[in-house]
Amino acid sequence: MNDLKYLRGYPEPLLAQVRQLREQGRLGDYLQQRYPERHAVQSDKALYAYAMQLKQEFLRNAPGLDKVLYDSKLDVLRQALGLHTAVSRVHGSKLKAKKEIRIAAVFREAAPQFLQMIVVHELAHLREFEHNKAFYQLCEHMLPGYHQLEFDLRVWLSWREAPAAPPVITPAQ
């Protein structure tokens, strides 16, 4: 079993706390207490409108978006949490580029803060392509507390993949 694969790179004392909560069966309760709600952005159309609202608020001068959608084929571990692409196509004598953001479909079930964190992350790539200091400063500007939300989202992903505790069997009386 790959222990806490979404949390690689975090300090060991922090990972120990997550492991302890998981072993005690309290990780889901911790997450439910911190993030009790689920977002209402369920369709691709609603996701596009949500992303465009954030883009308009923080990145007015960034390139436009042609498509924002949930992608059920996106592998959360390999493709991270979402994917931003620029698709170039030749139309006659012109080269047209379309910018797309794809969010893993698993995030339809997430808390609103987690969806916002993922969309902010992908929108930040419109201005900063690399995961560098400027990129994370932009994410933090667009969403104060970004780093804590990213960590909690990774804890949520670990919790979702954790095997369920075996049922308690009581002897028949």
N, C-alpha and C. Protein backbone atom coordinates (compact mmCIF):
# COMPACT_ATOMS: atom_id res chain seq x y z
N MET A 1 0.84 -1.19 0.00
CA MET A 1 0.00 0.00 0.00
C MET A 1 0.88 1.24 0.00
N ASN A 2 0.56 2.18 -0.84
CA ASN A 2 1.32 3.42 -0.92
C ASN A 2 0.75 4.38 0.11
N ASP A 3 1.45 4.58 1.20
CA ASP A 3 0.97 5.36 2.33
C ASP A 3 0.95 6.85 2.02
N LEU A 4 -0.23 7.45 2.04
CA LEU A 4 -0.40 8.89 1.86
C LEU A 4 0.30 9.43 0.61
N LYS A 5 0.02 8.82 -0.53
CA LYS A 5 0.70 9.20 -1.77
C LYS A 5 0.42 10.64 -2.21
N TYR A 6 -0.71 11.20 -1.81
CA TYR A 6 -1.02 12.57 -2.19
C TYR A 6 -0.28 13.59 -1.33
N LEU A 7 0.33 13.12 -0.25
CA LEU A 7 0.99 14.02 0.70
C LEU A 7 2.51 13.92 0.66
N ARG A 8 3.04 13.36 -0.39
CA ARG A 8 4.51 13.26 -0.51
C ARG A 8 5.12 14.64 -0.45
N GLY A 9 6.24 14.75 0.26
CA GLY A 9 6.94 16.02 0.34
C GLY A 9 6.59 16.85 1.56
N TYR A 10 5.54 16.48 2.27
CA TYR A 10 5.19 17.21 3.49
C TYR A 10 6.01 16.66 4.65
N PRO A 11 6.23 17.47 5.70
CA PRO A 11 7.07 17.03 6.83
C PRO A 11 6.48 15.82 7.54
N GLU A 12 7.36 14.96 8.02
CA GLU A 12 6.95 13.71 8.67
C GLU A 12 6.04 13.93 9.87
N PRO A 13 6.29 14.92 10.75
CA PRO A 13 5.37 15.11 11.89
C PRO A 13 3.93 15.38 11.44
N LEU A 14 3.77 16.09 10.34
CA LEU A 14 2.44 16.37 9.80
C LEU A 14 1.81 15.09 9.27
N LEU A 15 2.60 14.29 8.58
CA LEU A 15 2.10 13.02 8.06
C LEU A 15 1.71 12.08 9.20
N ALA A 16 2.47 12.12 10.29
CA ALA A 16 2.17 11.27 11.45
C ALA A 16 0.80 11.64 12.03
N GLN A 17 0.48 12.93 12.05
CA GLN A 17 -0.83 13.35 12.55
C GLN A 17 -1.95 12.82 11.66
N VAL A 18 -1.75 12.88 10.36
CA VAL A 18 -2.76 12.38 9.42
C VAL A 18 -2.91 10.87 9.59
N ARG A 19 -1.78 10.15 9.69
CA ARG A 19 -1.84 8.70 9.90
C ARG A 19 -2.60 8.35 11.18
N GLN A 20 -2.32 9.10 12.23
CA GLN A 20 -2.97 8.83 13.52
C GLN A 20 -4.49 9.02 13.41
N LEU A 21 -4.91 10.11 12.80
CA LEU A 21 -6.35 10.33 12.60
C LEU A 21 -6.97 9.21 11.76
N ARG A 22 -6.25 8.79 10.72
CA ARG A 22 -6.76 7.72 9.85
C ARG A 22 -6.89 6.42 10.62
N GLU A 23 -5.85 6.07 11.39
CA GLU A 23 -5.87 4.82 12.15
C GLU A 23 -6.95 4.81 13.22
N GLN A 24 -7.26 5.98 13.77
CA GLN A 24 -8.31 6.08 14.78
C GLN A 24 -9.70 6.18 14.15
N GLY A 25 -9.75 6.23 12.83
CA GLY A 25 -11.03 6.33 12.14
C GLY A 25 -11.66 7.71 12.28
N ARG A 26 -10.84 8.73 12.56
CA ARG A 26 -11.36 10.07 12.78
C ARG A 26 -11.03 11.05 11.64
N LEU A 27 -10.37 10.58 10.61
CA LEU A 27 -9.98 11.48 9.52
C LEU A 27 -11.20 12.04 8.79
N GLY A 28 -12.17 11.20 8.51
CA GLY A 28 -13.40 11.65 7.86
C GLY A 28 -14.15 12.66 8.72
N ASP A 29 -14.17 12.44 10.04
CA ASP A 29 -14.84 13.38 10.95
C ASP A 29 -14.13 14.72 10.95
N TYR A 30 -12.80 14.68 10.95
CA TYR A 30 -12.01 15.91 10.91
C TYR A 30 -12.35 16.73 9.66
N LEU A 31 -12.37 16.05 8.51
CA LEU A 31 -12.67 16.73 7.26
C LEU A 31 -14.11 17.23 7.22
N GLN A 32 -15.03 16.43 7.73
CA GLN A 32 -16.44 16.83 7.75
C GLN A 32 -16.66 18.05 8.64
N GLN A 33 -15.91 18.12 9.72
CA GLN A 33 -16.03 19.25 10.62
C GLN A 33 -15.48 20.53 9.97
N ARG A 34 -14.35 20.41 9.29
CA ARG A 34 -13.74 21.58 8.65
C ARG A 34 -14.47 22.00 7.38
N TYR A 35 -14.97 21.02 6.63
CA TYR A 35 -15.59 21.28 5.32
C TYR A 35 -16.93 20.55 5.23
N PRO A 36 -17.96 21.04 5.92
CA PRO A 36 -19.22 20.30 6.00
C PRO A 36 -20.08 20.36 4.73
N GLU A 37 -19.84 21.33 3.87
CA GLU A 37 -20.70 21.53 2.70
C GLU A 37 -20.11 20.90 1.45
N ARG A 38 -20.98 20.69 0.47
CA ARG A 38 -20.57 20.26 -0.87
C ARG A 38 -21.01 21.35 -1.84
N HIS A 39 -20.19 21.61 -2.83
CA HIS A 39 -20.52 22.68 -3.77
C HIS A 39 -21.66 22.27 -4.70
N ALA A 40 -22.24 23.27 -5.34
CA ALA A 40 -23.37 23.05 -6.23
C ALA A 40 -22.97 23.13 -7.70
N VAL A 41 -21.69 23.26 -7.99
CA VAL A 41 -21.21 23.40 -9.37
C VAL A 41 -21.06 21.99 -9.95
N GLN A 42 -22.14 21.49 -10.55
CA GLN A 42 -22.15 20.10 -10.98
C GLN A 42 -22.01 19.91 -12.49
N SER A 43 -22.40 20.89 -13.28
CA SER A 43 -22.33 20.72 -14.74
C SER A 43 -21.11 21.44 -15.29
N ASP A 44 -20.73 21.07 -16.50
CA ASP A 44 -19.61 21.73 -17.17
C ASP A 44 -19.93 23.21 -17.42
N LYS A 45 -21.18 23.49 -17.75
CA LYS A 45 -21.60 24.87 -17.99
C LYS A 45 -21.45 25.71 -16.72
N ALA A 46 -21.87 25.16 -15.59
CA ALA A 46 -21.74 25.87 -14.32
C ALA A 46 -20.27 26.03 -13.94
N LEU A 47 -19.45 25.01 -14.22
CA LEU A 47 -18.03 25.09 -13.93
C LEU A 47 -17.35 26.18 -14.77
N TYR A 48 -17.73 26.27 -16.04
CA TYR A 48 -17.20 27.31 -16.91
C TYR A 48 -17.55 28.70 -16.36
N ALA A 49 -18.81 28.88 -15.98
CA ALA A 49 -19.25 30.17 -15.44
C ALA A 49 -18.50 30.49 -14.14
N TYR A 50 -18.29 29.49 -13.31
CA TYR A 50 -17.58 29.67 -12.04
C TYR A 50 -16.13 30.10 -12.30
N ALA A 51 -15.46 29.42 -13.23
CA ALA A 51 -14.07 29.75 -13.56
C ALA A 51 -13.97 31.13 -14.19
N MET A 52 -14.90 31.47 -15.04
CA MET A 52 -14.87 32.78 -15.69
C MET A 52 -15.11 33.91 -14.68
N GLN A 53 -15.93 33.66 -13.68
CA GLN A 53 -16.17 34.66 -12.64
C GLN A 53 -14.87 34.92 -11.86
N LEU A 54 -14.16 33.85 -11.49
CA LEU A 54 -12.88 34.01 -10.80
C LEU A 54 -11.85 34.69 -11.70
N LYS A 55 -11.81 34.30 -12.97
CA LYS A 55 -10.87 34.90 -13.91
C LYS A 55 -11.15 36.39 -14.05
N GLN A 56 -12.40 36.75 -14.17
CA GLN A 56 -12.77 38.16 -14.32
C GLN A 56 -12.37 38.97 -13.08
N GLU A 57 -12.51 38.36 -11.92
CA GLU A 57 -12.19 39.06 -10.69
C GLU A 57 -10.69 39.29 -10.51
N PHE A 58 -9.86 38.31 -10.88
CA PHE A 58 -8.44 38.38 -10.58
C PHE A 58 -7.51 38.46 -11.79
N LEU A 59 -7.93 37.96 -12.93
CA LEU A 59 -7.04 37.86 -14.09
C LEU A 59 -7.68 38.43 -15.35
N ARG A 60 -8.14 39.65 -15.28
CA ARG A 60 -8.85 40.25 -16.42
C ARG A 60 -8.01 40.28 -17.69
N ASN A 61 -6.71 40.52 -17.56
CA ASN A 61 -5.85 40.67 -18.73
C ASN A 61 -5.23 39.36 -19.20
N ALA A 62 -5.52 38.26 -18.52
CA ALA A 62 -4.98 36.96 -18.92
C ALA A 62 -5.72 36.48 -20.17
N PRO A 63 -5.10 35.57 -20.91
CA PRO A 63 -5.77 35.04 -22.10
C PRO A 63 -7.12 34.42 -21.76
N GLY A 64 -8.03 34.46 -22.70
CA GLY A 64 -9.37 33.91 -22.48
C GLY A 64 -9.38 32.40 -22.39
N LEU A 65 -10.48 31.88 -21.89
CA LEU A 65 -10.67 30.43 -21.79
C LEU A 65 -11.74 30.01 -22.78
N ASP A 66 -11.48 28.95 -23.49
CA ASP A 66 -12.46 28.45 -24.44
C ASP A 66 -13.32 27.34 -23.85
N LYS A 67 -12.75 26.61 -22.90
CA LYS A 67 -13.48 25.48 -22.36
C LYS A 67 -13.01 25.21 -20.93
N VAL A 68 -13.97 24.93 -20.04
CA VAL A 68 -13.69 24.49 -18.68
C VAL A 68 -14.67 23.36 -18.42
N LEU A 69 -14.15 22.20 -18.04
CA LEU A 69 -15.05 21.06 -17.86
C LEU A 69 -14.51 20.05 -16.86
N TYR A 70 -15.42 19.22 -16.38
CA TYR A 70 -15.05 18.07 -15.56
C TYR A 70 -14.63 16.96 -16.51
N ASP A 71 -13.58 16.26 -16.16
CA ASP A 71 -13.06 15.19 -17.01
C ASP A 71 -13.00 13.90 -16.21
N SER A 72 -13.84 12.94 -16.57
CA SER A 72 -13.88 11.67 -15.84
C SER A 72 -12.68 10.79 -16.15
N LYS A 73 -11.93 11.12 -17.19
CA LYS A 73 -10.77 10.31 -17.57
C LYS A 73 -9.48 10.83 -16.95
N LEU A 74 -9.55 11.96 -16.27
CA LEU A 74 -8.36 12.56 -15.67
C LEU A 74 -7.95 11.76 -14.45
N ASP A 75 -6.74 11.25 -14.47
CA ASP A 75 -6.19 10.47 -13.35
C ASP A 75 -5.63 11.45 -12.34
N VAL A 76 -6.23 11.49 -11.16
CA VAL A 76 -5.87 12.49 -10.16
C VAL A 76 -4.40 12.42 -9.79
N LEU A 77 -3.84 11.23 -9.65
CA LEU A 77 -2.45 11.13 -9.22
C LEU A 77 -1.48 11.56 -10.32
N ARG A 78 -1.69 11.09 -11.55
CA ARG A 78 -0.74 11.41 -12.63
C ARG A 78 -0.90 12.83 -13.15
N GLN A 79 -2.12 13.28 -13.29
CA GLN A 79 -2.38 14.60 -13.88
C GLN A 79 -2.58 15.67 -12.82
N ALA A 80 -2.22 15.37 -11.58
CA ALA A 80 -2.43 16.29 -10.46
C ALA A 80 -3.92 16.47 -10.25
N LEU A 81 -4.36 17.66 -9.94
CA LEU A 81 -5.75 17.88 -9.57
C LEU A 81 -6.60 18.37 -10.73
N GLY A 82 -5.95 18.94 -11.70
CA GLY A 82 -6.62 19.45 -12.88
C GLY A 82 -5.59 19.56 -13.98
N LEU A 83 -6.02 20.04 -15.12
CA LEU A 83 -5.13 20.12 -16.27
C LEU A 83 -5.47 21.37 -17.07
N HIS A 84 -4.45 22.11 -17.41
CA HIS A 84 -4.66 23.27 -18.29
C HIS A 84 -3.91 22.98 -19.59
N THR A 85 -4.55 23.23 -20.69
CA THR A 85 -3.91 22.96 -21.98
C THR A 85 -4.17 24.10 -22.94
N ALA A 86 -3.30 24.21 -23.88
CA ALA A 86 -3.48 25.12 -25.01
C ALA A 86 -3.44 24.24 -26.26
N VAL A 87 -4.57 24.10 -26.89
CA VAL A 87 -4.68 23.25 -28.07
C VAL A 87 -4.57 24.14 -29.30
N SER A 88 -3.58 23.87 -30.15
CA SER A 88 -3.38 24.65 -31.37
C SER A 88 -3.87 23.85 -32.57
N ARG A 89 -4.63 24.50 -33.42
CA ARG A 89 -5.14 23.85 -34.62
C ARG A 89 -4.96 24.79 -35.81
N VAL A 90 -4.74 24.21 -36.96
CA VAL A 90 -4.61 24.99 -38.19
C VAL A 90 -5.99 25.08 -38.84
N HIS A 91 -6.42 26.31 -39.09
CA HIS A 91 -7.67 26.56 -39.79
C HIS A 91 -7.33 27.37 -41.03
N GLY A 92 -7.24 26.67 -42.15
CA GLY A 92 -6.85 27.34 -43.39
C GLY A 92 -5.42 27.83 -43.27
N SER A 93 -5.22 29.12 -43.38
CA SER A 93 -3.87 29.67 -43.28
C SER A 93 -3.59 30.25 -41.89
N LYS A 94 -4.53 30.05 -40.95
CA LYS A 94 -4.37 30.61 -39.61
C LYS A 94 -4.18 29.51 -38.58
N LEU A 95 -3.42 29.85 -37.56
CA LEU A 95 -3.21 28.94 -36.44
C LEU A 95 -4.05 29.46 -35.27
N LYS A 96 -4.97 28.65 -34.79
CA LYS A 96 -5.85 29.06 -33.69
C LYS A 96 -5.50 28.24 -32.45
N ALA A 97 -5.39 28.94 -31.33
CA ALA A 97 -5.09 28.29 -30.05
C ALA A 97 -6.30 28.40 -29.14
N LYS A 98 -6.66 27.28 -28.52
CA LYS A 98 -7.76 27.26 -27.58
C LYS A 98 -7.21 26.86 -26.22
N LYS A 99 -7.59 27.61 -25.19
CA LYS A 99 -7.15 27.31 -23.84
C LYS A 99 -8.28 26.57 -23.12
N GLU A 100 -7.89 25.45 -22.47
CA GLU A 100 -8.86 24.62 -21.78
C GLU A 100 -8.39 24.33 -20.37
N ILE A 101 -9.35 24.18 -19.48
CA ILE A 101 -9.08 23.70 -18.13
C ILE A 101 -9.96 22.49 -17.91
N ARG A 102 -9.34 21.41 -17.47
CA ARG A 102 -10.07 20.19 -17.15
C ARG A 102 -9.85 19.87 -15.67
N ILE A 103 -10.94 19.63 -14.98
CA ILE A 103 -10.91 19.32 -13.55
C ILE A 103 -11.35 17.87 -13.40
N ALA A 104 -10.63 17.10 -12.60
CA ALA A 104 -10.98 15.70 -12.38
C ALA A 104 -12.41 15.61 -11.84
N ALA A 105 -13.18 14.68 -12.40
CA ALA A 105 -14.60 14.55 -12.05
C ALA A 105 -14.82 14.21 -10.58
N VAL A 106 -13.83 13.65 -9.93
CA VAL A 106 -13.96 13.32 -8.51
C VAL A 106 -14.27 14.57 -7.68
N PHE A 107 -13.93 15.74 -8.17
CA PHE A 107 -14.13 16.96 -7.42
C PHE A 107 -15.55 17.50 -7.51
N ARG A 108 -16.43 16.78 -8.22
CA ARG A 108 -17.86 17.13 -8.16
C ARG A 108 -18.40 16.92 -6.75
N GLU A 109 -17.76 16.03 -6.00
CA GLU A 109 -18.21 15.70 -4.65
C GLU A 109 -17.48 16.50 -3.57
N ALA A 110 -16.64 17.40 -3.95
CA ALA A 110 -15.76 18.09 -2.99
C ALA A 110 -16.44 19.29 -2.34
N ALA A 111 -15.79 19.77 -1.31
CA ALA A 111 -16.24 20.99 -0.63
C ALA A 111 -16.03 22.18 -1.56
N PRO A 112 -16.80 23.25 -1.40
CA PRO A 112 -16.64 24.41 -2.28
C PRO A 112 -15.24 25.02 -2.21
N GLN A 113 -14.61 24.97 -1.06
CA GLN A 113 -13.26 25.52 -0.91
C GLN A 113 -12.26 24.72 -1.77
N PHE A 114 -12.46 23.41 -1.86
CA PHE A 114 -11.54 22.58 -2.65
C PHE A 114 -11.70 22.86 -4.14
N LEU A 115 -12.95 23.00 -4.59
CA LEU A 115 -13.16 23.34 -6.00
C LEU A 115 -12.54 24.70 -6.32
N GLN A 116 -12.74 25.66 -5.44
CA GLN A 116 -12.16 26.99 -5.65
C GLN A 116 -10.64 26.90 -5.72
N MET A 117 -10.03 26.11 -4.85
CA MET A 117 -8.57 25.97 -4.85
C MET A 117 -8.07 25.40 -6.17
N ILE A 118 -8.75 24.40 -6.68
CA ILE A 118 -8.33 23.77 -7.94
C ILE A 118 -8.48 24.74 -9.10
N VAL A 119 -9.60 25.43 -9.16
CA VAL A 119 -9.83 26.37 -10.26
C VAL A 119 -8.82 27.52 -10.18
N VAL A 120 -8.57 28.03 -8.99
CA VAL A 120 -7.57 29.10 -8.82
C VAL A 120 -6.21 28.61 -9.30
N HIS A 121 -5.84 27.38 -8.94
CA HIS A 121 -4.56 26.81 -9.36
C HIS A 121 -4.45 26.78 -10.88
N GLU A 122 -5.48 26.28 -11.53
CA GLU A 122 -5.44 26.17 -12.98
C GLU A 122 -5.49 27.54 -13.66
N LEU A 123 -6.26 28.46 -13.10
CA LEU A 123 -6.29 29.82 -13.66
C LEU A 123 -4.94 30.51 -13.52
N ALA A 124 -4.24 30.27 -12.42
CA ALA A 124 -2.93 30.88 -12.21
C ALA A 124 -1.96 30.48 -13.31
N HIS A 125 -2.17 29.31 -13.90
CA HIS A 125 -1.30 28.87 -14.99
C HIS A 125 -1.49 29.71 -16.26
N LEU A 126 -2.56 30.47 -16.35
CA LEU A 126 -2.72 31.37 -17.49
C LEU A 126 -1.66 32.46 -17.47
N ARG A 127 -1.22 32.83 -16.27
CA ARG A 127 -0.23 33.88 -16.13
C ARG A 127 1.16 33.32 -15.84
N GLU A 128 1.26 32.31 -15.00
CA GLU A 128 2.54 31.69 -14.63
C GLU A 128 2.49 30.22 -15.01
N PHE A 129 3.36 29.81 -15.92
CA PHE A 129 3.31 28.43 -16.42
C PHE A 129 3.94 27.43 -15.46
N GLU A 130 4.97 27.83 -14.78
CA GLU A 130 5.71 26.93 -13.89
C GLU A 130 5.20 27.06 -12.46
N HIS A 131 5.41 26.01 -11.67
CA HIS A 131 5.10 26.05 -10.24
C HIS A 131 6.28 26.70 -9.52
N ASN A 132 6.36 28.02 -9.60
CA ASN A 132 7.46 28.74 -8.98
C ASN A 132 6.91 29.68 -7.90
N LYS A 133 7.77 30.49 -7.34
CA LYS A 133 7.36 31.38 -6.26
C LYS A 133 6.27 32.35 -6.72
N ALA A 134 6.41 32.91 -7.90
CA ALA A 134 5.42 33.85 -8.42
C ALA A 134 4.06 33.16 -8.61
N PHE A 135 4.09 31.90 -9.05
CA PHE A 135 2.85 31.13 -9.23
C PHE A 135 2.11 31.00 -7.91
N TYR A 136 2.82 30.57 -6.87
CA TYR A 136 2.17 30.36 -5.58
C TYR A 136 1.76 31.69 -4.93
N GLN A 137 2.49 32.76 -5.19
CA GLN A 137 2.08 34.07 -4.70
C GLN A 137 0.77 34.51 -5.37
N LEU A 138 0.64 34.22 -6.66
CA LEU A 138 -0.59 34.53 -7.37
C LEU A 138 -1.76 33.71 -6.82
N CYS A 139 -1.52 32.43 -6.57
CA CYS A 139 -2.57 31.57 -5.99
C CYS A 139 -3.01 32.11 -4.63
N GLU A 140 -2.04 32.50 -3.81
CA GLU A 140 -2.33 33.02 -2.47
C GLU A 140 -3.08 34.35 -2.57
N HIS A 141 -2.74 35.18 -3.57
CA HIS A 141 -3.45 36.44 -3.78
C HIS A 141 -4.91 36.18 -4.17
N MET A 142 -5.12 35.23 -5.06
CA MET A 142 -6.47 34.93 -5.52
C MET A 142 -7.29 34.21 -4.46
N LEU A 143 -6.63 33.44 -3.61
CA LEU A 143 -7.32 32.66 -2.59
C LEU A 143 -6.47 32.62 -1.32
N PRO A 144 -6.68 33.59 -0.42
CA PRO A 144 -5.92 33.57 0.84
C PRO A 144 -6.13 32.24 1.56
N GLY A 145 -5.04 31.68 2.08
CA GLY A 145 -5.10 30.36 2.71
C GLY A 145 -4.97 29.23 1.72
N TYR A 146 -4.48 29.54 0.52
CA TYR A 146 -4.35 28.55 -0.55
C TYR A 146 -3.57 27.32 -0.11
N HIS A 147 -2.45 27.53 0.56
CA HIS A 147 -1.58 26.39 0.91
C HIS A 147 -2.26 25.44 1.88
N GLN A 148 -3.00 25.97 2.85
CA GLN A 148 -3.73 25.09 3.78
C GLN A 148 -4.82 24.33 3.05
N LEU A 149 -5.50 24.99 2.12
CA LEU A 149 -6.54 24.31 1.35
C LEU A 149 -5.95 23.21 0.48
N GLU A 150 -4.79 23.46 -0.10
CA GLU A 150 -4.16 22.42 -0.93
C GLU A 150 -3.80 21.21 -0.07
N PHE A 151 -3.27 21.47 1.12
CA PHE A 151 -2.94 20.36 2.02
C PHE A 151 -4.20 19.60 2.41
N ASP A 152 -5.25 20.31 2.82
CA ASP A 152 -6.48 19.65 3.23
C ASP A 152 -7.12 18.88 2.08
N LEU A 153 -7.02 19.41 0.87
CA LEU A 153 -7.55 18.69 -0.28
C LEU A 153 -6.79 17.38 -0.49
N ARG A 154 -5.49 17.42 -0.29
CA ARG A 154 -4.69 16.19 -0.42
C ARG A 154 -5.02 15.20 0.70
N VAL A 155 -5.34 15.71 1.88
CA VAL A 155 -5.79 14.83 2.97
C VAL A 155 -7.12 14.21 2.58
N TRP A 156 -8.01 15.00 1.99
CA TRP A 156 -9.32 14.50 1.55
C TRP A 156 -9.16 13.39 0.52
N LEU A 157 -8.25 13.59 -0.43
CA LEU A 157 -8.00 12.55 -1.43
C LEU A 157 -7.47 11.28 -0.78
N SER A 158 -6.59 11.43 0.19
CA SER A 158 -6.05 10.26 0.91
C SER A 158 -7.17 9.55 1.67
N TRP A 159 -8.05 10.31 2.29
CA TRP A 159 -9.17 9.73 3.03
C TRP A 159 -10.11 8.97 2.09
N ARG A 160 -10.37 9.54 0.90
CA ARG A 160 -11.27 8.88 -0.06
C ARG A 160 -10.73 7.54 -0.51
N GLU A 161 -9.40 7.43 -0.62
CA GLU A 161 -8.80 6.19 -1.10
C GLU A 161 -8.49 5.19 0.01
N ALA A 162 -8.58 5.63 1.26
CA ALA A 162 -8.26 4.72 2.37
C ALA A 162 -9.29 3.61 2.42
N PRO A 163 -8.84 2.38 2.66
CA PRO A 163 -9.80 1.28 2.78
C PRO A 163 -10.70 1.51 3.98
N ALA A 164 -11.95 1.14 3.82
CA ALA A 164 -12.91 1.30 4.92
C ALA A 164 -12.53 0.37 6.06
N ALA A 165 -12.79 0.81 7.26
CA ALA A 165 -12.51 -0.02 8.43
C ALA A 165 -13.41 -1.25 8.38
N PRO A 166 -12.89 -2.42 8.75
CA PRO A 166 -13.71 -3.62 8.73
C PRO A 166 -14.86 -3.50 9.74
N PRO A 167 -16.02 -4.04 9.42
CA PRO A 167 -17.14 -3.93 10.34
C PRO A 167 -16.84 -4.67 11.65
N VAL A 168 -17.37 -4.13 12.72
CA VAL A 168 -17.19 -4.77 14.03
C VAL A 168 -18.22 -5.89 14.13
N ILE A 169 -17.75 -7.09 14.39
CA ILE A 169 -18.63 -8.24 14.50
C ILE A 169 -18.75 -8.59 15.97
N THR A 170 -19.97 -8.58 16.44
CA THR A 170 -20.19 -8.96 17.83
C THR A 170 -20.69 -10.39 17.88
N PRO A 171 -20.25 -11.16 18.87
CA PRO A 171 -20.68 -12.56 18.95
C PRO A 171 -22.18 -12.63 19.24
N ALA A 172 -22.82 -13.64 18.65
CA ALA A 172 -24.24 -13.85 18.87
C ALA A 172 -24.47 -14.26 20.31
N GLN A 173 -25.55 -13.77 20.91
CA GLN A 173 -25.83 -14.12 22.30
C GLN A 173 -26.93 -15.14 22.39
